[in-house]
Amino acid sequence: MSGTSMDGVDLAYCELSPNDNGTWSYSIGASKTIPYSEVWRLRLSKLRNQNALVFYKTDRYYGQYIGQLIKDFLNENNLEADMVASHGHTVFHQPENNISVQVGSGHSEIRRIARHRLPLLQFAGVRSRGRRRSPLLPDARAPVTASLRPSAGCAGLS
């Protein structure tokens, strides 16, 4: 997760387990906050005023950056992930106008980490339902959980 505090990226490894009643249980294992370098902090804080090319490049570079952070986090903790979820970094958030824009697609890095990836979850939730905050599992659950094994590990930026 990366938010308006601009302090860094929060990572968490969560285990999901199906319950007999069709719901899911979870536990949070390893977690870590990685502070932004001054370069990333400045780039993200000024992004809303940049041109389209800088915005696009930042979207790609930031996605590759967080993908590498996730890979390093998993390696440091000797973990594997079945699914990676990423919120990205919110640049514009106006839920009253159905607008929420994140950067961090970087699909090339994230797709190598796990069988499933759920990039930029808040964007999908705001556009489809006009919500004020990110509905991570409700939007992601249906297409993915059917193929997860019990006690599946997830790493991500939520």
C-alpha atoms as a PDB file:
ATOM      1  CA  MET A   1       0.000   0.000   0.000  1.00  0.00           C
ATOM      2  CA  SER A   2       1.195   3.482  -0.733  1.00  0.00           C
ATOM      3  CA  GLY A   3      -0.896   6.408   0.312  1.00  0.00           C
ATOM      4  CA  THR A   4      -0.889  10.134   0.782  1.00  0.00           C
ATOM      5  CA  SER A   5       1.518   9.993   3.736  1.00  0.00           C
ATOM      6  CA  MET A   6       4.285   9.315   1.193  1.00  0.00           C
ATOM      7  CA  ASP A   7       6.266   7.410   3.806  1.00  0.00           C
ATOM      8  CA  GLY A   8       6.802   4.224   1.834  1.00  0.00           C
ATOM      9  CA  VAL A   9       5.377   0.908   0.675  1.00  0.00           C
ATOM     10  CA  ASP A  10       3.644  -1.472   3.081  1.00  0.00           C
ATOM     11  CA  LEU A  11       3.919  -5.182   2.264  1.00  0.00           C
ATOM     12  CA  ALA A  12       2.112  -8.084   3.929  1.00  0.00           C
ATOM     13  CA  TYR A  13       2.020 -11.830   3.427  1.00  0.00           C
ATOM     14  CA  CYS A  14      -1.448 -13.181   4.192  1.00  0.00           C
ATOM     15  CA  GLU A  15      -2.752 -16.727   4.253  1.00  0.00           C
ATOM     16  CA  LEU A  16      -6.321 -17.300   3.112  1.00  0.00           C
ATOM     17  CA  SER A  17      -8.258 -20.425   4.057  1.00  0.00           C
ATOM     18  CA  PRO A  18     -11.767 -21.396   2.972  1.00  0.00           C
ATOM     19  CA  ASN A  19     -14.366 -22.043   5.671  1.00  0.00           C
ATOM     20  CA  ASP A  20     -17.111 -24.640   5.401  1.00  0.00           C
ATOM     21  CA  ASN A  21     -19.779 -21.932   5.124  1.00  0.00           C
ATOM     22  CA  GLY A  22     -18.294 -20.403   1.951  1.00  0.00           C
ATOM     23  CA  THR A  23     -16.479 -17.545   3.688  1.00  0.00           C
ATOM     24  CA  TRP A  24     -12.735 -17.133   4.017  1.00  0.00           C
ATOM     25  CA  SER A  25     -10.447 -16.777   7.026  1.00  0.00           C
ATOM     26  CA  TYR A  26      -7.115 -15.022   6.897  1.00  0.00           C
ATOM     27  CA  SER A  27      -3.972 -14.527   8.916  1.00  0.00           C
ATOM     28  CA  ILE A  28      -1.221 -11.992   8.392  1.00  0.00           C
ATOM     29  CA  GLY A  29       2.289 -13.407   8.457  1.00  0.00           C
ATOM     30  CA  ALA A  30       5.349 -11.399   7.555  1.00  0.00           C
ATOM     31  CA  SER A  31       4.972  -7.673   6.962  1.00  0.00           C
ATOM     32  CA  LYS A  32       7.299  -4.791   6.261  1.00  0.00           C
ATOM     33  CA  THR A  33       7.275  -1.081   5.487  1.00  0.00           C
ATOM     34  CA  ILE A  34       9.905   0.058   3.010  1.00  0.00           C
ATOM     35  CA  PRO A  35      10.518   3.817   3.195  1.00  0.00           C
ATOM     36  CA  TYR A  36      10.645   5.732  -0.063  1.00  0.00           C
ATOM     37  CA  SER A  37      13.892   7.150  -1.281  1.00  0.00           C
ATOM     38  CA  GLU A  38      13.804  10.918  -1.685  1.00  0.00           C
ATOM     39  CA  VAL A  39      13.671  10.429  -5.467  1.00  0.00           C
ATOM     40  CA  TRP A  40      10.500   8.295  -5.296  1.00  0.00           C
ATOM     41  CA  ARG A  41       8.878  10.525  -2.679  1.00  0.00           C
ATOM     42  CA  LEU A  42       9.401  13.607  -4.858  1.00  0.00           C
ATOM     43  CA  ARG A  43       8.368  11.916  -8.090  1.00  0.00           C
ATOM     44  CA  LEU A  44       5.106  10.620  -6.615  1.00  0.00           C
ATOM     45  CA  SER A  45       4.276  13.832  -4.770  1.00  0.00           C
ATOM     46  CA  LYS A  46       4.637  15.918  -7.952  1.00  0.00           C
ATOM     47  CA  LEU A  47       3.037  13.436 -10.347  1.00  0.00           C
ATOM     48  CA  ARG A  48      -0.414  15.039 -10.416  1.00  0.00           C
ATOM     49  CA  ASN A  49       1.130  18.096 -12.119  1.00  0.00           C
ATOM     50  CA  GLN A  50       3.184  16.242 -14.745  1.00  0.00           C
ATOM     51  CA  ASN A  51       2.474  15.657 -18.425  1.00  0.00           C
ATOM     52  CA  ALA A  52       1.018  12.426 -19.822  1.00  0.00           C
ATOM     53  CA  LEU A  53       4.380  10.954 -20.820  1.00  0.00           C
ATOM     54  CA  VAL A  54       5.874  11.391 -17.335  1.00  0.00           C
ATOM     55  CA  PHE A  55       2.668   9.980 -15.820  1.00  0.00           C
ATOM     56  CA  TYR A  56       2.792   6.924 -18.099  1.00  0.00           C
ATOM     57  CA  LYS A  57       6.484   6.278 -17.444  1.00  0.00           C
ATOM     58  CA  THR A  58       5.953   6.599 -13.705  1.00  0.00           C
ATOM     59  CA  ASP A  59       3.091   4.109 -13.899  1.00  0.00           C
ATOM     60  CA  ARG A  60       5.399   1.558 -15.523  1.00  0.00           C
ATOM     61  CA  TYR A  61       8.523   2.291 -13.438  1.00  0.00           C
ATOM     62  CA  TYR A  62       6.605   2.300 -10.165  1.00  0.00           C
ATOM     63  CA  GLY A  63       4.986  -1.033 -11.055  1.00  0.00           C
ATOM     64  CA  GLN A  64       8.404  -2.516 -11.752  1.00  0.00           C
ATOM     65  CA  TYR A  65       9.724  -1.030  -8.501  1.00  0.00           C
ATOM     66  CA  ILE A  66       6.949  -2.496  -6.349  1.00  0.00           C
ATOM     67  CA  GLY A  67       7.217  -5.803  -8.201  1.00  0.00           C
ATOM     68  CA  GLN A  68      10.898  -5.972  -7.259  1.00  0.00           C
ATOM     69  CA  LEU A  69      10.083  -5.028  -3.652  1.00  0.00           C
ATOM     70  CA  ILE A  70       7.583  -7.893  -3.478  1.00  0.00           C
ATOM     71  CA  LYS A  71      10.077 -10.368  -4.953  1.00  0.00           C
ATOM     72  CA  ASP A  72      12.738  -9.271  -2.459  1.00  0.00           C
ATOM     73  CA  PHE A  73      10.243  -9.458   0.443  1.00  0.00           C
ATOM     74  CA  LEU A  74       9.251 -13.012  -0.500  1.00  0.00           C
ATOM     75  CA  ASN A  75      12.885 -14.087  -0.863  1.00  0.00           C
ATOM     76  CA  GLU A  76      13.927 -12.485   2.445  1.00  0.00           C
ATOM     77  CA  ASN A  77      11.143 -14.361   4.227  1.00  0.00           C
ATOM     78  CA  ASN A  78      11.529 -17.631   2.269  1.00  0.00           C
ATOM     79  CA  LEU A  79       7.918 -17.400   1.046  1.00  0.00           C
ATOM     80  CA  GLU A  80       6.000 -18.194  -2.140  1.00  0.00           C
ATOM     81  CA  ALA A  81       2.796 -16.482  -3.217  1.00  0.00           C
ATOM     82  CA  ASP A  82      -0.134 -17.862  -5.172  1.00  0.00           C
ATOM     83  CA  MET A  83      -1.572 -14.385  -5.668  1.00  0.00           C
ATOM     84  CA  VAL A  84      -0.244 -10.831  -5.632  1.00  0.00           C
ATOM     85  CA  ALA A  85      -2.594  -7.915  -5.101  1.00  0.00           C
ATOM     86  CA  SER A  86      -1.508  -4.357  -5.641  1.00  0.00           C
ATOM     87  CA  HIS A  87      -3.266  -1.121  -4.821  1.00  0.00           C
ATOM     88  CA  GLY A  88      -0.570   0.923  -6.540  1.00  0.00           C
ATOM     89  CA  HIS A  89      -0.134   4.526  -5.485  1.00  0.00           C
ATOM     90  CA  THR A  90      -3.152   6.831  -5.617  1.00  0.00           C
ATOM     91  CA  VAL A  91      -2.505  10.033  -7.538  1.00  0.00           C
ATOM     92  CA  PHE A  92      -6.072  11.321  -7.891  1.00  0.00           C
ATOM     93  CA  HIS A  93      -8.946  10.297  -5.625  1.00  0.00           C
ATOM     94  CA  GLN A  94     -12.344  11.937  -6.020  1.00  0.00           C
ATOM     95  CA  PRO A  95     -14.915   9.244  -5.214  1.00  0.00           C
ATOM     96  CA  GLU A  96     -17.735  11.791  -5.315  1.00  0.00           C
ATOM     97  CA  ASN A  97     -16.933  12.152  -9.046  1.00  0.00           C
ATOM     98  CA  ASN A  98     -16.213   8.434  -9.592  1.00  0.00           C
ATOM     99  CA  ILE A  99     -12.523   9.218 -10.130  1.00  0.00           C
ATOM    100  CA  SER A 100      -9.628   7.319  -8.639  1.00  0.00           C
ATOM    101  CA  VAL A 101      -6.343   6.989 -10.506  1.00  0.00           C
ATOM    102  CA  GLN A 102      -3.405   4.903  -9.381  1.00  0.00           C
ATOM    103  CA  VAL A 103       0.014   4.247 -10.819  1.00  0.00           C
ATOM    104  CA  GLY A 104       1.946   1.016 -10.584  1.00  0.00           C
ATOM    105  CA  SER A 105       0.813  -1.297 -13.353  1.00  0.00           C
ATOM    106  CA  GLY A 106       4.281  -2.729 -14.123  1.00  0.00           C
ATOM    107  CA  HIS A 107       2.777  -6.038 -15.142  1.00  0.00           C
ATOM    108  CA  SER A 108       6.103  -7.430 -16.342  1.00  0.00           C
ATOM    109  CA  GLU A 109       7.489  -7.782 -12.812  1.00  0.00           C
ATOM    110  CA  ILE A 110       4.349  -8.791 -10.941  1.00  0.00           C
ATOM    111  CA  ARG A 111       3.304 -11.540 -13.369  1.00  0.00           C
ATOM    112  CA  ARG A 112       6.538 -13.446 -12.647  1.00  0.00           C
ATOM    113  CA  ILE A 113       5.909 -13.546  -8.896  1.00  0.00           C
ATOM    114  CA  ALA A 114       2.680 -15.533  -8.578  1.00  0.00           C
ATOM    115  CA  ARG A 115       0.088 -17.449 -10.585  1.00  0.00           C
ATOM    116  CA  HIS A 116      -2.493 -14.683 -10.064  1.00  0.00           C
ATOM    117  CA  ARG A 117      -2.152 -10.927  -9.911  1.00  0.00           C
ATOM    118  CA  LEU A 118      -4.772  -8.373  -9.033  1.00  0.00           C
ATOM    119  CA  PRO A 119      -3.339  -4.993  -9.960  1.00  0.00           C
ATOM    120  CA  LEU A 120      -4.749  -1.631  -8.988  1.00  0.00           C
ATOM    121  CA  LEU A 121      -7.716  -2.921  -7.049  1.00  0.00           C
ATOM    122  CA  GLN A 122      -9.027   0.401  -5.769  1.00  0.00           C
ATOM    123  CA  PHE A 123      -9.463   1.704  -9.309  1.00  0.00           C
ATOM    124  CA  ALA A 124     -11.775  -1.175 -10.169  1.00  0.00           C
ATOM    125  CA  GLY A 125     -13.793  -0.723  -6.987  1.00  0.00           C
ATOM    126  CA  VAL A 126     -14.319   3.009  -7.350  1.00  0.00           C
ATOM    127  CA  ARG A 127     -15.253   2.833 -11.008  1.00  0.00           C
ATOM    128  CA  SER A 128     -17.681  -0.016 -10.606  1.00  0.00           C
ATOM    129  CA  ARG A 129     -19.367   0.997  -7.369  1.00  0.00           C
ATOM    130  CA  GLY A 130     -18.457   4.610  -6.570  1.00  0.00           C
ATOM    131  CA  ARG A 131     -16.994   3.594  -3.218  1.00  0.00           C
ATOM    132  CA  ARG A 132     -14.835   5.884  -1.148  1.00  0.00           C
ATOM    133  CA  ARG A 133     -12.264   3.252  -0.238  1.00  0.00           C
ATOM    134  CA  SER A 134     -10.800   0.137  -1.715  1.00  0.00           C
ATOM    135  CA  PRO A 135     -12.914  -3.041  -1.502  1.00  0.00           C
ATOM    136  CA  LEU A 136      -9.993  -5.402  -2.007  1.00  0.00           C
ATOM    137  CA  LEU A 137     -11.299  -8.903  -1.400  1.00  0.00           C
ATOM    138  CA  PRO A 138     -14.928  -8.390  -2.395  1.00  0.00           C
ATOM    139  CA  ASP A 139     -13.896  -7.336  -5.913  1.00  0.00           C
ATOM    140  CA  ALA A 140     -11.052  -9.819  -6.234  1.00  0.00           C
ATOM    141  CA  ARG A 141     -12.594 -12.859  -4.581  1.00  0.00           C
ATOM    142  CA  ALA A 142     -14.853 -14.340  -7.229  1.00  0.00           C
ATOM    143  CA  PRO A 143     -12.521 -14.872 -10.213  1.00  0.00           C
ATOM    144  CA  VAL A 144      -9.509 -16.002  -8.214  1.00  0.00           C
ATOM    145  CA  THR A 145     -10.422 -17.879  -5.055  1.00  0.00           C
ATOM    146  CA  ALA A 146     -11.928 -20.789  -6.961  1.00  0.00           C
ATOM    147  CA  SER A 147      -8.464 -21.722  -8.220  1.00  0.00           C
ATOM    148  CA  LEU A 148      -6.526 -21.167  -4.981  1.00  0.00           C
ATOM    149  CA  ARG A 149      -5.485 -24.131  -2.921  1.00  0.00           C
ATOM    150  CA  PRO A 150      -6.448 -24.180   0.784  1.00  0.00           C
ATOM    151  CA  SER A 151      -4.133 -22.008   2.901  1.00  0.00           C
ATOM    152  CA  ALA A 152      -2.965 -20.129  -0.169  1.00  0.00           C
ATOM    153  CA  GLY A 153      -0.280 -17.557   0.439  1.00  0.00           C
ATOM    154  CA  CYS A 154      -0.670 -14.044  -0.861  1.00  0.00           C
ATOM    155  CA  ALA A 155       1.832 -11.246  -0.939  1.00  0.00           C
ATOM    156  CA  GLY A 156       0.885  -7.841  -1.839  1.00  0.00           C
ATOM    157  CA  LEU A 157       0.421  -4.205  -1.663  1.00  0.00           C
ATOM    158  CA  SER A 158      -3.100  -3.832  -0.634  1.00  0.00           C
END
